[in-house]
Structures are given as structure tokens and as C-alpha cells.
């Protein structure tokens, strides 16, 4: 069985992960993120895994008169993003 650390390393090297971390420097709704990943199924899987690994979190946000959940990079995600950008 893989360790969580090994799982994290394998995941962050996958396509779209860096793009999503960059996009989520500011809160974004799911529909906003379909500009980064067009396939909603792939986007759902990536966001789920990123949340499971603690790279992102959901935050409530008020847009006009409606409250909605948005995704944003967590502290852990910011550290990972910084390290990835240093090596790329």
C-alpha cells in the first residue's frame, strides 16, 4: 500500500494539477475552473483528490445575493505550488 506522501508525489506530477493550483490562488467556483479543465468528470476527480490530499479547501463566498462554495489553495497547497514553480 502506498504512503500518503508517495501518493502526493505521484498526484502532483499529473496533468492539470499545477494549472489548477495556479488557478486557485484566488477562490474559484467549479464552473470557473472549466476554463482550465474542459472535461467536468476530470475536473471533479482532480478537485476531489486535491481536497483529500489537503492541497485545496472549499470556502463559502457570496456572489450577488447567493452564497456558493468556491475552491482555493490551502496553506499546504501554497507550499507545494511554490516548490513546483521553483523547479519548473
Protein backbone atom coordinates (compact mmCIF):
# COMPACT_ATOMS: atom_id res chain seq x y z
CA UNK A 1 0.00 0.00 0.00
CA UNK A 2 1.28 3.46 -0.93
CA UNK A 3 2.03 6.03 1.72
CA UNK A 4 0.19 9.34 1.63
CA UNK A 5 3.49 11.09 0.82
CA UNK A 6 4.12 8.79 -2.15
CA UNK A 7 0.52 9.26 -3.29
CA UNK A 8 1.01 13.05 -3.12
CA UNK A 9 4.21 12.92 -5.21
CA UNK A 10 2.56 10.80 -7.89
CA UNK A 11 -0.52 13.02 -7.98
CA UNK A 12 1.15 16.43 -8.21
CA UNK A 13 3.05 15.30 -11.30
CA UNK A 14 -0.18 14.54 -13.16
CA UNK A 15 -1.55 16.74 -15.91
CA UNK A 16 -3.64 19.77 -14.82
CA UNK A 17 -2.59 19.72 -11.14
CA UNK A 18 -0.15 22.62 -11.46
CA UNK A 19 -2.64 24.53 -13.64
CA UNK A 20 -5.36 24.09 -11.01
CA UNK A 21 -3.10 25.14 -8.14
CA UNK A 22 -2.21 28.30 -10.05
CA UNK A 23 -5.86 28.99 -10.90
CA UNK A 24 -6.87 28.55 -7.27
CA UNK A 25 -4.60 31.24 -5.86
CA UNK A 26 -7.87 33.14 -5.65
CA UNK A 27 -11.25 31.50 -4.90
CA UNK A 28 -12.95 30.00 -7.95
CA UNK A 29 -16.22 28.21 -8.50
CA UNK A 30 -16.42 24.87 -10.25
CA UNK A 31 -17.79 26.47 -13.41
CA UNK A 32 -14.91 28.98 -13.44
CA UNK A 33 -12.46 26.08 -13.40
CA UNK A 34 -13.95 24.52 -16.54
CA UNK A 35 -11.82 27.06 -18.40
CA UNK A 36 -8.75 25.24 -17.04
CA UNK A 37 -10.10 21.70 -17.47
CA UNK A 38 -12.88 21.37 -20.02
CA UNK A 39 -13.94 17.84 -19.04
CA UNK A 40 -16.15 18.12 -15.94
CA UNK A 41 -15.53 14.50 -14.95
CA UNK A 42 -11.76 15.01 -14.95
CA UNK A 43 -12.15 18.29 -13.08
CA UNK A 44 -14.29 16.62 -10.41
CA UNK A 45 -11.73 13.83 -9.93
CA UNK A 46 -8.79 16.27 -9.70
CA UNK A 47 -10.57 18.57 -7.23
CA UNK A 48 -11.62 15.62 -5.07
CA UNK A 49 -8.10 14.25 -4.89
CA UNK A 50 -6.61 17.68 -4.25
CA UNK A 51 -9.04 18.21 -1.38
CA UNK A 52 -8.31 14.72 0.00
CA UNK A 53 -4.56 15.49 -0.03
CA UNK A 54 -5.12 18.85 1.65
CA UNK A 55 -3.92 20.91 -1.33
CA UNK A 56 -7.16 22.87 -1.61
CA UNK A 57 -10.14 23.70 0.55
CA UNK A 58 -13.65 24.98 -0.02
CA UNK A 59 -14.72 28.37 1.24
CA UNK A 60 -18.19 29.95 1.27
CA UNK A 61 -18.46 33.01 -0.94
CA UNK A 62 -21.27 35.46 -1.61
CA UNK A 63 -21.83 36.27 -5.26
CA UNK A 64 -24.62 38.80 -5.72
CA UNK A 65 -27.36 37.55 -3.36
CA UNK A 66 -26.33 33.89 -3.43
CA UNK A 67 -23.88 32.02 -1.25
CA UNK A 68 -21.82 29.40 -3.01
CA UNK A 69 -18.78 27.26 -2.27
CA UNK A 70 -15.53 28.09 -4.01
CA UNK A 71 -12.22 26.29 -4.11
CA UNK A 72 -8.96 27.90 -3.03
CA UNK A 73 -5.39 26.72 -2.41
CA UNK A 74 -4.72 25.71 1.21
CA UNK A 75 -1.54 26.52 3.15
CA UNK A 76 -0.16 23.10 2.21
CA UNK A 77 -1.12 23.72 -1.43
CA UNK A 78 0.72 27.05 -1.41
CA UNK A 79 3.88 25.32 -0.20
CA UNK A 80 3.58 22.65 -2.90
CA UNK A 81 2.86 25.28 -5.58
CA UNK A 82 5.90 27.33 -4.54
CA UNK A 83 8.16 24.28 -4.71
CA UNK A 84 6.78 23.23 -8.10
CA UNK A 85 7.29 26.71 -9.51
CA UNK A 86 10.87 26.75 -8.23
CA UNK A 87 11.75 23.63 -10.23
CA UNK A 88 9.82 24.47 -13.38
